[in-house]
PDB file of N, CA and C in Angstrom:
ATOM      1  N   MET A   1     123.375 125.710  15.235  1.00  0.00           N
ATOM      2  CA  MET A   1     122.429 124.617  15.101  1.00  0.00           C
ATOM      3  C   MET A   1     122.143 124.413  13.614  1.00  0.00           C
ATOM      4  N   THR A   2     122.151 123.172  13.194  1.00  0.00           N
ATOM      5  CA  THR A   2     121.942 122.857  11.781  1.00  0.00           C
ATOM      6  C   THR A   2     120.455 122.690  11.470  1.00  0.00           C
ATOM      7  N   ILE A   3     120.156 122.730  10.202  1.00  0.00           N
ATOM      8  CA  ILE A   3     118.778 122.484   9.760  1.00  0.00           C
ATOM      9  C   ILE A   3     118.347 121.075  10.158  1.00  0.00           C
ATOM     10  N   ALA A   4     119.238 120.117  10.015  1.00  0.00           N
ATOM     11  CA  ALA A   4     118.905 118.736  10.389  1.00  0.00           C
ATOM     12  C   ALA A   4     118.575 118.635  11.871  1.00  0.00           C
ATOM     13  N   GLU A   5     119.296 119.369  12.698  1.00  0.00           N
ATOM     14  CA  GLU A   5     119.014 119.343  14.133  1.00  0.00           C
ATOM     15  C   GLU A   5     117.667 119.995  14.430  1.00  0.00           C
ATOM     16  N   LEU A   6     117.324 121.046  13.713  1.00  0.00           N
ATOM     17  CA  LEU A   6     116.007 121.654  13.864  1.00  0.00           C
ATOM     18  C   LEU A   6     114.900 120.701  13.407  1.00  0.00           C
ATOM     19  N   CYS A   7     115.230 119.836  12.463  1.00  0.00           N
ATOM     20  CA  CYS A   7     114.263 118.826  12.021  1.00  0.00           C
ATOM     21  C   CYS A   7     113.947 117.835  13.127  1.00  0.00           C
ATOM     22  N   LEU A   8     114.898 117.595  14.027  1.00  0.00           N
ATOM     23  CA  LEU A   8     114.621 116.735  15.180  1.00  0.00           C
ATOM     24  C   LEU A   8     113.511 117.361  16.029  1.00  0.00           C
ATOM     25  N   LEU A   9     113.632 118.659  16.272  1.00  0.00           N
ATOM     26  CA  LEU A   9     112.596 119.358  17.022  1.00  0.00           C
ATOM     27  C   LEU A   9     111.270 119.337  16.268  1.00  0.00           C
ATOM     28  N   ALA A  10     111.329 119.525  14.961  1.00  0.00           N
ATOM     29  CA  ALA A  10     110.102 119.506  14.150  1.00  0.00           C
ATOM     30  C   ALA A  10     109.395 118.168  14.278  1.00  0.00           C
ATOM     31  N   CYS A  11     110.137 117.082  14.315  1.00  0.00           N
ATOM     32  CA  CYS A  11     109.519 115.755  14.456  1.00  0.00           C
ATOM     33  C   CYS A  11     108.851 115.588  15.820  1.00  0.00           C
ATOM     34  N   VAL A  12     109.473 116.113  16.847  1.00  0.00           N
ATOM     35  CA  VAL A  12     108.865 116.036  18.174  1.00  0.00           C
ATOM     36  C   VAL A  12     107.564 116.834  18.194  1.00  0.00           C
ATOM     37  N   ILE A  13     107.603 118.040  17.639  1.00  0.00           N
ATOM     38  CA  ILE A  13     106.401 118.870  17.605  1.00  0.00           C
ATOM     39  C   ILE A  13     105.310 118.208  16.772  1.00  0.00           C
ATOM     40  N   LEU A  14     105.678 117.643  15.625  1.00  0.00           N
ATOM     41  CA  LEU A  14     104.697 116.957  14.778  1.00  0.00           C
ATOM     42  C   LEU A  14     104.054 115.793  15.523  1.00  0.00           C
ATOM     43  N   THR A  15     104.835 115.062  16.278  1.00  0.00           N
ATOM     44  CA  THR A  15     104.307 113.934  17.044  1.00  0.00           C
ATOM     45  C   THR A  15     103.284 114.414  18.075  1.00  0.00           C
ATOM     46  N   ILE A  16     103.587 115.500  18.742  1.00  0.00           N
ATOM     47  CA  ILE A  16     102.662 116.040  19.737  1.00  0.00           C
ATOM     48  C   ILE A  16     101.392 116.570  19.070  1.00  0.00           C
ATOM     49  N   VAL A  17     101.564 117.303  17.985  1.00  0.00           N
ATOM     50  CA  VAL A  17     100.432 117.928  17.299  1.00  0.00           C
ATOM     51  C   VAL A  17      99.525 116.887  16.640  1.00  0.00           C
ATOM     52  N   SER A  18     100.074 115.748  16.262  1.00  0.00           N
ATOM     53  CA  SER A  18      99.282 114.761  15.523  1.00  0.00           C
ATOM     54  C   SER A  18      98.122 114.184  16.329  1.00  0.00           C
ATOM     55  N   VAL A  19      98.174 114.239  17.639  1.00  0.00           N
ATOM     56  CA  VAL A  19      97.077 113.720  18.453  1.00  0.00           C
ATOM     57  C   VAL A  19      96.027 114.794  18.746  1.00  0.00           C
ATOM     58  N   MET A  20      96.345 116.036  18.411  1.00  0.00           N
ATOM     59  CA  MET A  20      95.413 117.125  18.711  1.00  0.00           C
ATOM     60  C   MET A  20      94.039 116.982  18.059  1.00  0.00           C
ATOM     61  N   PRO A  21      93.926 116.482  16.825  1.00  0.00           N
ATOM     62  CA  PRO A  21      92.577 116.321  16.266  1.00  0.00           C
ATOM     63  C   PRO A  21      91.673 115.435  17.126  1.00  0.00           C
ATOM     64  N   ALA A  22      92.247 114.439  17.759  1.00  0.00           N
ATOM     65  CA  ALA A  22      91.453 113.575  18.640  1.00  0.00           C
ATOM     66  C   ALA A  22      90.948 114.367  19.839  1.00  0.00           C
ATOM     67  N   LYS A  23      91.829 115.142  20.413  1.00  0.00           N
ATOM     68  CA  LYS A  23      91.449 115.886  21.611  1.00  0.00           C
ATOM     69  C   LYS A  23      90.489 117.022  21.286  1.00  0.00           C
ATOM     70  N   ILE A  24      90.648 117.624  20.127  1.00  0.00           N
ATOM     71  CA  ILE A  24      89.736 118.707  19.730  1.00  0.00           C
ATOM     72  C   ILE A  24      88.358 118.145  19.396  1.00  0.00           C
ATOM     73  N   SER A  25      88.338 117.052  18.614  1.00  0.00           N
ATOM     74  CA  SER A  25      87.031 116.492  18.222  1.00  0.00           C
ATOM     75  C   SER A  25      86.286 115.905  19.408  1.00  0.00           C
ATOM     76  N   GLY A  26      87.009 115.485  20.421  1.00  0.00           N
ATOM     77  CA  GLY A  26      86.361 114.886  21.590  1.00  0.00           C
ATOM     78  C   GLY A  26      86.485 115.743  22.831  1.00  0.00           C
ATOM     79  N   ARG A  27      86.598 117.061  22.632  1.00  0.00           N
ATOM     80  CA  ARG A  27      86.849 117.955  23.761  1.00  0.00           C
ATOM     81  C   ARG A  27      85.815 117.811  24.881  1.00  0.00           C
ATOM     82  N   LEU A  28      84.604 117.420  24.549  1.00  0.00           N
ATOM     83  CA  LEU A  28      83.585 117.259  25.591  1.00  0.00           C
ATOM     84  C   LEU A  28      83.765 115.946  26.350  1.00  0.00           C
ATOM     85  N   ASP A  29      84.392 114.962  25.701  1.00  0.00           N
ATOM     86  CA  ASP A  29      84.603 113.642  26.322  1.00  0.00           C
ATOM     87  C   ASP A  29      85.990 113.501  26.939  1.00  0.00           C
ATOM     88  N   TYR A  30      86.906 114.389  26.588  1.00  0.00           N
ATOM     89  CA  TYR A  30      88.295 114.245  27.011  1.00  0.00           C
ATOM     90  C   TYR A  30      88.438 114.539  28.497  1.00  0.00           C
ATOM     91  N   ASP A  31      89.111 113.645  29.212  1.00  0.00           N
ATOM     92  CA  ASP A  31      89.341 113.798  30.642  1.00  0.00           C
ATOM     93  C   ASP A  31      90.834 113.982  30.864  1.00  0.00           C
ATOM     94  N   ASN A  32      91.243 115.199  31.132  1.00  0.00           N
ATOM     95  CA  ASN A  32      92.669 115.476  31.335  1.00  0.00           C
ATOM     96  C   ASN A  32      93.203 114.773  32.581  1.00  0.00           C
ATOM     97  N   GLY A  33      92.330 114.352  33.459  1.00  0.00           N
ATOM     98  CA  GLY A  33      92.745 113.581  34.623  1.00  0.00           C
ATOM     99  C   GLY A  33      93.102 112.144  34.268  1.00  0.00           C
ATOM    100  N   ASN A  34      92.643 111.684  33.113  1.00  0.00           N
ATOM    101  CA  ASN A  34      92.918 110.331  32.634  1.00  0.00           C
ATOM    102  C   ASN A  34      93.188 110.402  31.121  1.00  0.00           C
ATOM    103  N   PRO A  35      94.288 111.070  30.725  1.00  0.00           N
ATOM    104  CA  PRO A  35      94.516 111.363  29.309  1.00  0.00           C
ATOM    105  C   PRO A  35      94.801 110.144  28.434  1.00  0.00           C
ATOM    106  N   ARG A  36      95.100 109.018  29.019  1.00  0.00           N
ATOM    107  CA  ARG A  36      95.417 107.830  28.222  1.00  0.00           C
ATOM    108  C   ARG A  36      94.307 106.786  28.255  1.00  0.00           C
ATOM    109  N   ASP A  37      93.133 107.210  28.635  1.00  0.00           N
ATOM    110  CA  ASP A  37      91.989 106.301  28.694  1.00  0.00           C
ATOM    111  C   ASP A  37      91.722 105.742  27.301  1.00  0.00           C
ATOM    112  N   PRO A  38      91.887 104.436  27.113  1.00  0.00           N
ATOM    113  CA  PRO A  38      91.705 103.864  25.774  1.00  0.00           C
ATOM    114  C   PRO A  38      90.291 104.026  25.241  1.00  0.00           C
ATOM    115  N   ARG A  39      89.309 104.175  26.133  1.00  0.00           N
ATOM    116  CA  ARG A  39      87.930 104.355  25.665  1.00  0.00           C
ATOM    117  C   ARG A  39      87.741 105.678  24.927  1.00  0.00           C
ATOM    118  N   PHE A  40      88.578 106.668  25.231  1.00  0.00           N
ATOM    119  CA  PHE A  40      88.477 107.955  24.539  1.00  0.00           C
ATOM    120  C   PHE A  40      88.870 107.814  23.068  1.00  0.00           C
ATOM    121  N   TYR A  41      89.861 106.971  22.810  1.00  0.00           N
ATOM    122  CA  TYR A  41      90.391 106.823  21.446  1.00  0.00           C
ATOM    123  C   TYR A  41      89.621 105.740  20.702  1.00  0.00           C
ATOM    124  N   THR A  42      88.346 105.979  20.525  1.00  0.00           N
ATOM    125  CA  THR A  42      87.463 105.047  19.838  1.00  0.00           C
ATOM    126  C   THR A  42      87.800 104.996  18.353  1.00  0.00           C
ATOM    127  N   PRO A  43      87.320 103.986  17.654  1.00  0.00           N
ATOM    128  CA  PRO A  43      87.579 103.920  16.211  1.00  0.00           C
ATOM    129  C   PRO A  43      87.142 105.211  15.515  1.00  0.00           C
ATOM    130  N   GLY A  44      87.856 105.524  14.473  1.00  0.00           N
ATOM    131  CA  GLY A  44      87.587 106.749  13.737  1.00  0.00           C
ATOM    132  C   GLY A  44      88.751 107.709  13.878  1.00  0.00           C
ATOM    133  N   LEU A  45      88.460 108.983  13.772  1.00  0.00           N
ATOM    134  CA  LEU A  45      89.497 110.012  13.798  1.00  0.00           C
ATOM    135  C   LEU A  45      90.346 109.940  15.056  1.00  0.00           C
ATOM    136  N   ARG A  46      89.711 109.744  16.202  1.00  0.00           N
ATOM    137  CA  ARG A  46      90.485 109.693  17.446  1.00  0.00           C
ATOM    138  C   ARG A  46      91.493 108.551  17.437  1.00  0.00           C
ATOM    139  N   SER A  47      91.066 107.416  16.978  1.00  0.00           N
ATOM    140  CA  SER A  47      91.954 106.252  16.903  1.00  0.00           C
ATOM    141  C   SER A  47      93.100 106.490  15.921  1.00  0.00           C
ATOM    142  N   ARG A  48      92.769 107.068  14.769  1.00  0.00           N
ATOM    143  CA  ARG A  48      93.806 107.340  13.770  1.00  0.00           C
ATOM    144  C   ARG A  48      94.791 108.395  14.265  1.00  0.00           C
ATOM    145  N   ALA A  49      94.294 109.408  14.964  1.00  0.00           N
ATOM    146  CA  ALA A  49      95.184 110.437  15.510  1.00  0.00           C
ATOM    147  C   ALA A  49      96.142 109.822  16.531  1.00  0.00           C
ATOM    148  N   LEU A  50      95.620 108.945  17.358  1.00  0.00           N
ATOM    149  CA  LEU A  50      96.485 108.261  18.321  1.00  0.00           C
ATOM    150  C   LEU A  50      97.507 107.394  17.593  1.00  0.00           C
ATOM    151  N   GLY A  51      97.087 106.711  16.534  1.00  0.00           N
ATOM    152  CA  GLY A  51      98.025 105.891  15.765  1.00  0.00           C
ATOM    153  C   GLY A  51      99.140 106.723  15.156  1.00  0.00           C
ATOM    154  N   ALA A  52      98.803 107.871  14.585  1.00  0.00           N
ATOM    155  CA  ALA A  52      99.819 108.762  14.012  1.00  0.00           C
ATOM    156  C   ALA A  52     100.755 109.261  15.105  1.00  0.00           C
ATOM    157  N   HIS A  53     100.192 109.592  16.241  1.00  0.00           N
ATOM    158  CA  HIS A  53     100.966 110.078  17.390  1.00  0.00           C
ATOM    159  C   HIS A  53     101.973 109.018  17.855  1.00  0.00           C
ATOM    160  N   LEU A  54     101.489 107.808  18.055  1.00  0.00           N
ATOM    161  CA  LEU A  54     102.365 106.725  18.520  1.00  0.00           C
ATOM    162  C   LEU A  54     103.427 106.379  17.479  1.00  0.00           C
ATOM    163  N   ASN A  55     103.047 106.415  16.200  1.00  0.00           N
ATOM    164  CA  ASN A  55     104.026 106.123  15.164  1.00  0.00           C
ATOM    165  C   ASN A  55     105.134 107.174  15.151  1.00  0.00           C
ATOM    166  N   GLY A  56     104.806 108.404  15.490  1.00  0.00           N
ATOM    167  CA  GLY A  56     105.834 109.437  15.597  1.00  0.00           C
ATOM    168  C   GLY A  56     106.869 109.080  16.655  1.00  0.00           C
ATOM    169  N   TYR A  57     106.399 108.568  17.793  1.00  0.00           N
ATOM    170  CA  TYR A  57     107.330 108.140  18.837  1.00  0.00           C
ATOM    171  C   TYR A  57     108.142 106.923  18.399  1.00  0.00           C
ATOM    172  N   GLU A  58     107.567 106.083  17.579  1.00  0.00           N
ATOM    173  CA  GLU A  58     108.273 104.888  17.117  1.00  0.00           C
ATOM    174  C   GLU A  58     109.368 105.230  16.112  1.00  0.00           C
ATOM    175  N   THR A  59     109.121 106.225  15.265  1.00  0.00           N
ATOM    176  CA  THR A  59     110.098 106.547  14.222  1.00  0.00           C
ATOM    177  C   THR A  59     111.171 107.521  14.695  1.00  0.00           C
ATOM    178  N   PHE A  60     110.899 108.275  15.736  1.00  0.00           N
ATOM    179  CA  PHE A  60     111.838 109.315  16.153  1.00  0.00           C
ATOM    180  C   PHE A  60     113.213 108.797  16.573  1.00  0.00           C
ATOM    181  N   PRO A  61     113.328 107.749  17.382  1.00  0.00           N
ATOM    182  CA  PRO A  61     114.672 107.335  17.817  1.00  0.00           C
ATOM    183  C   PRO A  61     115.620 107.020  16.664  1.00  0.00           C
ATOM    184  N   PHE A  62     115.135 106.322  15.648  1.00  0.00           N
ATOM    185  CA  PHE A  62     116.002 105.990  14.506  1.00  0.00           C
ATOM    186  C   PHE A  62     116.384 107.255  13.743  1.00  0.00           C
ATOM    187  N   PHE A  63     115.434 108.162  13.570  1.00  0.00           N
ATOM    188  CA  PHE A  63     115.720 109.416  12.882  1.00  0.00           C
ATOM    189  C   PHE A  63     116.771 110.215  13.651  1.00  0.00           C
ATOM    190  N   ALA A  64     116.571 110.355  14.950  1.00  0.00           N
ATOM    191  CA  ALA A  64     117.517 111.117  15.765  1.00  0.00           C
ATOM    192  C   ALA A  64     118.912 110.492  15.726  1.00  0.00           C
ATOM    193  N   ALA A  65     118.967 109.183  15.897  1.00  0.00           N
ATOM    194  CA  ALA A  65     120.271 108.504  15.863  1.00  0.00           C
ATOM    195  C   ALA A  65     120.943 108.661  14.501  1.00  0.00           C
ATOM    196  N   SER A  66     120.165 108.591  13.439  1.00  0.00           N
ATOM    197  CA  SER A  66     120.728 108.719  12.087  1.00  0.00           C
ATOM    198  C   SER A  66     121.298 110.109  11.859  1.00  0.00           C
ATOM    199  N   VAL A  67     120.555 111.134  12.259  1.00  0.00           N
ATOM    200  CA  VAL A  67     121.039 112.513  12.081  1.00  0.00           C
ATOM    201  C   VAL A  67     122.306 112.732  12.895  1.00  0.00           C
ATOM    202  N   ILE A  68     122.286 112.320  14.143  1.00  0.00           N
ATOM    203  CA  ILE A  68     123.456 112.508  15.006  1.00  0.00           C
ATOM    204  C   ILE A  68     124.653 111.750  14.459  1.00  0.00           C
ATOM    205  N   LEU A  69     124.453 110.513  14.040  1.00  0.00           N
ATOM    206  CA  LEU A  69     125.537 109.713  13.471  1.00  0.00           C
ATOM    207  C   LEU A  69     126.118 110.382  12.226  1.00  0.00           C
ATOM    208  N   ALA A  70     125.251 110.815  11.323  1.00  0.00           N
ATOM    209  CA  ALA A  70     125.727 111.440  10.081  1.00  0.00           C
ATOM    210  C   ALA A  70     126.524 112.704  10.380  1.00  0.00           C
ATOM    211  N   GLU A  71     126.034 113.507  11.328  1.00  0.00           N
ATOM    212  CA  GLU A  71     126.756 114.738  11.666  1.00  0.00           C
ATOM    213  C   GLU A  71     128.076 114.440  12.380  1.00  0.00           C
ATOM    214  N   MET A  72     128.079 113.468  13.255  1.00  0.00           N
ATOM    215  CA  MET A  72     129.315 113.110  13.960  1.00  0.00           C
ATOM    216  C   MET A  72     130.365 112.544  13.014  1.00  0.00           C
ATOM    217  N   ARG A  73     129.911 111.836  11.987  1.00  0.00           N
ATOM    218  CA  ARG A  73     130.834 111.206  11.046  1.00  0.00           C
ATOM    219  C   ARG A  73     131.265 112.140   9.915  1.00  0.00           C
ATOM    220  N   GLY A  74     130.814 113.382   9.958  1.00  0.00           N
ATOM    221  CA  GLY A  74     131.281 114.374   9.002  1.00  0.00           C
ATOM    222  C   GLY A  74     130.668 114.288   7.618  1.00  0.00           C
ATOM    223  N   VAL A  75     129.458 113.776   7.516  1.00  0.00           N
ATOM    224  CA  VAL A  75     128.755 113.785   6.233  1.00  0.00           C
ATOM    225  C   VAL A  75     128.531 115.248   5.863  1.00  0.00           C
ATOM    226  N   PRO A  76     128.704 115.614   4.605  1.00  0.00           N
ATOM    227  CA  PRO A  76     128.470 117.014   4.225  1.00  0.00           C
ATOM    228  C   PRO A  76     127.102 117.490   4.730  1.00  0.00           C
ATOM    229  N   GLN A  77     127.111 118.607   5.432  1.00  0.00           N
ATOM    230  CA  GLN A  77     125.896 119.088   6.085  1.00  0.00           C
ATOM    231  C   GLN A  77     124.736 119.319   5.122  1.00  0.00           C
ATOM    232  N   PRO A  78     124.975 119.831   3.905  1.00  0.00           N
ATOM    233  CA  PRO A  78     123.835 119.987   2.994  1.00  0.00           C
ATOM    234  C   PRO A  78     123.124 118.667   2.692  1.00  0.00           C
ATOM    235  N   THR A  79     123.872 117.579   2.662  1.00  0.00           N
ATOM    236  CA  THR A  79     123.274 116.264   2.419  1.00  0.00           C
ATOM    237  C   THR A  79     122.390 115.858   3.585  1.00  0.00           C
ATOM    238  N   VAL A  80     122.913 115.995   4.793  1.00  0.00           N
ATOM    239  CA  VAL A  80     122.150 115.633   5.986  1.00  0.00           C
ATOM    240  C   VAL A  80     120.913 116.523   6.087  1.00  0.00           C
ATOM    241  N   ASN A  81     121.090 117.819   5.852  1.00  0.00           N
ATOM    242  CA  ASN A  81     119.955 118.748   5.926  1.00  0.00           C
ATOM    243  C   ASN A  81     118.866 118.379   4.933  1.00  0.00           C
ATOM    244  N   LEU A  82     119.250 118.122   3.700  1.00  0.00           N
ATOM    245  CA  LEU A  82     118.273 117.799   2.658  1.00  0.00           C
ATOM    246  C   LEU A  82     117.485 116.534   3.014  1.00  0.00           C
ATOM    247  N   LEU A  83     118.191 115.511   3.439  1.00  0.00           N
ATOM    248  CA  LEU A  83     117.517 114.259   3.791  1.00  0.00           C
ATOM    249  C   LEU A  83     116.626 114.418   5.022  1.00  0.00           C
ATOM    250  N   ALA A  84     117.082 115.206   5.988  1.00  0.00           N
ATOM    251  CA  ALA A  84     116.277 115.426   7.195  1.00  0.00           C
ATOM    252  C   ALA A  84     115.012 116.218   6.869  1.00  0.00           C
ATOM    253  N   VAL A  85     115.131 117.230   6.034  1.00  0.00           N
ATOM    254  CA  VAL A  85     113.951 118.000   5.630  1.00  0.00           C
ATOM    255  C   VAL A  85     112.993 117.103   4.851  1.00  0.00           C
ATOM    256  N   ALA A  86     113.546 116.264   3.981  1.00  0.00           N
ATOM    257  CA  ALA A  86     112.699 115.335   3.225  1.00  0.00           C
ATOM    258  C   ALA A  86     111.954 114.401   4.176  1.00  0.00           C
ATOM    259  N   PHE A  87     112.649 113.914   5.192  1.00  0.00           N
ATOM    260  CA  PHE A  87     112.012 113.022   6.158  1.00  0.00           C
ATOM    261  C   PHE A  87     110.856 113.733   6.872  1.00  0.00           C
ATOM    262  N   VAL A  88     111.087 114.954   7.321  1.00  0.00           N
ATOM    263  CA  VAL A  88     110.034 115.701   8.019  1.00  0.00           C
ATOM    264  C   VAL A  88     108.850 115.958   7.079  1.00  0.00           C
ATOM    265  N   ALA A  89     109.137 116.328   5.847  1.00  0.00           N
ATOM    266  CA  ALA A  89     108.055 116.571   4.880  1.00  0.00           C
ATOM    267  C   ALA A  89     107.234 115.308   4.661  1.00  0.00           C
ATOM    268  N   VAL A  90     107.912 114.187   4.537  1.00  0.00           N
ATOM    269  CA  VAL A  90     107.217 112.911   4.347  1.00  0.00           C
ATOM    270  C   VAL A  90     106.396 112.573   5.586  1.00  0.00           C
ATOM    271  N   ARG A  91     106.924 112.855   6.766  1.00  0.00           N
ATOM    272  CA  ARG A  91     106.180 112.585   8.005  1.00  0.00           C
ATOM    273  C   ARG A  91     104.914 113.437   8.087  1.00  0.00           C
ATOM    274  N   ILE A  92     104.984 114.664   7.614  1.00  0.00           N
ATOM    275  CA  ILE A  92     103.794 115.517   7.609  1.00  0.00           C
ATOM    276  C   ILE A  92     102.729 114.905   6.705  1.00  0.00           C
ATOM    277  N   VAL A  93     103.144 114.474   5.523  1.00  0.00           N
ATOM    278  CA  VAL A  93     102.199 113.834   4.598  1.00  0.00           C
ATOM    279  C   VAL A  93     101.649 112.556   5.227  1.00  0.00           C
ATOM    280  N   TYR A  94     102.509 111.794   5.873  1.00  0.00           N
ATOM    281  CA  TYR A  94     102.103 110.559   6.531  1.00  0.00           C
ATOM    282  C   TYR A  94     101.002 110.819   7.564  1.00  0.00           C
ATOM    283  N   VAL A  95     101.215 111.816   8.419  1.00  0.00           N
ATOM    284  CA  VAL A  95     100.223 112.134   9.452  1.00  0.00           C
ATOM    285  C   VAL A  95      98.897 112.544   8.805  1.00  0.00           C
ATOM    286  N   LEU A  96      98.962 113.370   7.772  1.00  0.00           N
ATOM    287  CA  LEU A  96      97.739 113.797   7.089  1.00  0.00           C
ATOM    288  C   LEU A  96      97.002 112.611   6.472  1.00  0.00           C
ATOM    289  N   LEU A  97      97.750 111.679   5.895  1.00  0.00           N
ATOM    290  CA  LEU A  97      97.128 110.490   5.316  1.00  0.00           C
ATOM    291  C   LEU A  97      96.550 109.587   6.407  1.00  0.00           C
ATOM    292  N   TYR A  98      97.221 109.518   7.532  1.00  0.00           N
ATOM    293  CA  TYR A  98      96.712 108.718   8.652  1.00  0.00           C
ATOM    294  C   TYR A  98      95.394 109.317   9.139  1.00  0.00           C
ATOM    295  N   LEU A  99      95.383 110.619   9.352  1.00  0.00           N
ATOM    296  CA  LEU A  99      94.164 111.278   9.822  1.00  0.00           C
ATOM    297  C   LEU A  99      93.046 111.188   8.794  1.00  0.00           C
ATOM    298  N   GLY A 100      93.422 111.220   7.506  1.00  0.00           N
ATOM    299  CA  GLY A 100      92.437 111.157   6.425  1.00  0.00           C
ATOM    300  C   GLY A 100      91.986 109.758   6.063  1.00  0.00           C
ATOM    301  N   ASP A 101      92.457 108.760   6.804  1.00  0.00           N
ATOM    302  CA  ASP A 101      92.045 107.364   6.601  1.00  0.00           C
ATOM    303  C   ASP A 101      92.394 106.850   5.209  1.00  0.00           C
ATOM    304  N   ARG A 102      93.648 107.006   4.837  1.00  0.00           N
ATOM    305  CA  ARG A 102      94.161 106.519   3.552  1.00  0.00           C
ATOM    306  C   ARG A 102      95.274 105.501   3.818  1.00  0.00           C
ATOM    307  N   PRO A 103      94.948 104.312   4.315  1.00  0.00           N
ATOM    308  CA  PRO A 103      95.963 103.375   4.799  1.00  0.00           C
ATOM    309  C   PRO A 103      96.958 102.883   3.754  1.00  0.00           C
ATOM    310  N   THR A 104      96.516 102.622   2.532  1.00  0.00           N
ATOM    311  CA  THR A 104      97.442 102.097   1.524  1.00  0.00           C
ATOM    312  C   THR A 104      98.476 103.155   1.139  1.00  0.00           C
ATOM    313  N   LEU A 105      98.001 104.334   0.837  1.00  0.00           N
ATOM    314  CA  LEU A 105      98.911 105.423   0.484  1.00  0.00           C
ATOM    315  C   LEU A 105      99.792 105.791   1.674  1.00  0.00           C
ATOM    316  N   ARG A 106      99.211 105.775   2.867  1.00  0.00           N
ATOM    317  CA  ARG A 106      99.976 106.057   4.087  1.00  0.00           C
ATOM    318  C   ARG A 106     101.146 105.097   4.226  1.00  0.00           C
ATOM    319  N   SER A 107     100.915 103.822   3.973  1.00  0.00           N
ATOM    320  CA  SER A 107     101.990 102.826   4.084  1.00  0.00           C
ATOM    321  C   SER A 107     103.087 103.080   3.059  1.00  0.00           C
ATOM    322  N   ALA A 108     102.690 103.471   1.860  1.00  0.00           N
ATOM    323  CA  ALA A 108     103.688 103.785   0.829  1.00  0.00           C
ATOM    324  C   ALA A 108     104.522 104.991   1.251  1.00  0.00           C
ATOM    325  N   VAL A 109     103.872 105.992   1.796  1.00  0.00           N
ATOM    326  CA  VAL A 109     104.589 107.191   2.243  1.00  0.00           C
ATOM    327  C   VAL A 109     105.502 106.853   3.421  1.00  0.00           C
ATOM    328  N   TRP A 110     105.049 105.978   4.310  1.00  0.00           N
ATOM    329  CA  TRP A 110     105.900 105.543   5.418  1.00  0.00           C
ATOM    330  C   TRP A 110     107.191 104.919   4.874  1.00  0.00           C
ATOM    331  N   SER A 111     107.060 104.130   3.829  1.00  0.00           N
ATOM    332  CA  SER A 111     108.230 103.489   3.222  1.00  0.00           C
ATOM    333  C   SER A 111     109.208 104.518   2.666  1.00  0.00           C
ATOM    334  N   ILE A 112     108.685 105.580   2.094  1.00  0.00           N
ATOM    335  CA  ILE A 112     109.545 106.652   1.585  1.00  0.00           C
ATOM    336  C   ILE A 112     110.284 107.313   2.748  1.00  0.00           C
ATOM    337  N   GLY A 113     109.572 107.549   3.844  1.00  0.00           N
ATOM    338  CA  GLY A 113     110.212 108.115   5.025  1.00  0.00           C
ATOM    339  C   GLY A 113     111.296 107.205   5.573  1.00  0.00           C
ATOM    340  N   PHE A 114     111.028 105.925   5.599  1.00  0.00           N
ATOM    341  CA  PHE A 114     112.028 104.972   6.079  1.00  0.00           C
ATOM    342  C   PHE A 114     113.247 104.977   5.162  1.00  0.00           C
ATOM    343  N   ALA A 115     113.019 105.100   3.857  1.00  0.00           N
ATOM    344  CA  ALA A 115     114.134 105.183   2.903  1.00  0.00           C
ATOM    345  C   ALA A 115     114.970 106.438   3.150  1.00  0.00           C
ATOM    346  N   CYS A 116     114.312 107.551   3.445  1.00  0.00           N
ATOM    347  CA  CYS A 116     115.050 108.783   3.783  1.00  0.00           C
ATOM    348  C   CYS A 116     115.913 108.559   5.018  1.00  0.00           C
ATOM    349  N   ASN A 117     115.327 107.889   5.994  1.00  0.00           N
ATOM    350  CA  ASN A 117     116.049 107.613   7.228  1.00  0.00           C
ATOM    351  C   ASN A 117     117.241 106.689   6.984  1.00  0.00           C
ATOM    352  N   LEU A 118     117.032 105.675   6.172  1.00  0.00           N
ATOM    353  CA  LEU A 118     118.145 104.784   5.824  1.00  0.00           C
ATOM    354  C   LEU A 118     119.251 105.543   5.090  1.00  0.00           C
ATOM    355  N   ALA A 119     118.852 106.460   4.225  1.00  0.00           N
ATOM    356  CA  ALA A 119     119.839 107.255   3.492  1.00  0.00           C
ATOM    357  C   ALA A 119     120.676 108.102   4.455  1.00  0.00           C
ATOM    358  N   ILE A 120     120.031 108.680   5.461  1.00  0.00           N
ATOM    359  CA  ILE A 120     120.781 109.448   6.459  1.00  0.00           C
ATOM    360  C   ILE A 120     121.715 108.519   7.232  1.00  0.00           C
ATOM    361  N   PHE A 121     121.180 107.381   7.645  1.00  0.00           N
ATOM    362  CA  PHE A 121     121.963 106.430   8.446  1.00  0.00           C
ATOM    363  C   PHE A 121     123.207 105.944   7.696  1.00  0.00           C
ATOM    364  N   PHE A 122     123.038 105.632   6.396  1.00  0.00           N
ATOM    365  CA  PHE A 122     124.163 105.107   5.623  1.00  0.00           C
ATOM    366  C   PHE A 122     124.969 106.196   4.916  1.00  0.00           C
ATOM    367  N   ALA A 123     124.609 107.445   5.082  1.00  0.00           N
ATOM    368  CA  ALA A 123     125.354 108.545   4.454  1.00  0.00           C
ATOM    369  C   ALA A 123     126.840 108.541   4.807  1.00  0.00           C
ATOM    370  N   PRO A 124     127.225 108.196   6.032  1.00  0.00           N
ATOM    371  CA  PRO A 124     128.663 108.142   6.317  1.00  0.00           C
ATOM    372  C   PRO A 124     129.405 107.118   5.444  1.00  0.00           C
ATOM    373  N   VAL A 125     128.732 106.037   5.122  1.00  0.00           N
ATOM    374  CA  VAL A 125     129.352 105.018   4.261  1.00  0.00           C
ATOM    375  C   VAL A 125     129.547 105.589   2.860  1.00  0.00           C
ATOM    376  N   TRP A 126     128.501 106.220   2.348  1.00  0.00           N
ATOM    377  CA  TRP A 126     128.564 106.769   0.993  1.00  0.00           C
ATOM    378  C   TRP A 126     129.539 107.934   0.904  1.00  0.00           C
ATOM    379  N   ALA A 127     129.697 108.664   2.006  1.00  0.00           N
ATOM    380  CA  ALA A 127     130.607 109.807   2.023  1.00  0.00           C
ATOM    381  C   ALA A 127     132.030 109.369   2.338  1.00  0.00           C
ATOM    382  N   GLY A 128     132.224 108.063   2.567  1.00  0.00           N
ATOM    383  CA  GLY A 128     133.558 107.545   2.867  1.00  0.00           C
ATOM    384  C   GLY A 128     134.067 107.994   4.214  1.00  0.00           C
ATOM    385  N   ARG A 129     133.184 108.101   5.165  1.00  0.00           N
ATOM    386  CA  ARG A 129     133.584 108.576   6.505  1.00  0.00           C
ATOM    387  C   ARG A 129     133.579 107.444   7.484  1.00  0.00           C
TER     388      ARG A 129
END
């Protein structure tokens, strides 16, 4: 298993963990029988945690497809690994900025993550594969 493939798992775990602040802060209000009740995710930390969580699900398919494509096309593994680790690191910063209510900086960091993803996606072209 490659580092880039482990980064796929890291992104899934990060997506799951990113909603935990909402559930912890609202543990007295949280109803596990109705976990998607929109009233629970009121404005504030809970809403931002849900936003970070959902954004993780939105970004994962492109990241996964890019990593798989790069590996299938024979891009040098250190390149794929480096870009995948960079993407995960940027996603961690993104989630922290989302939870910390820093929307402008968060958007800039999202753009960096998207650039990392594009670099992975187009790596086969640059590697002549």
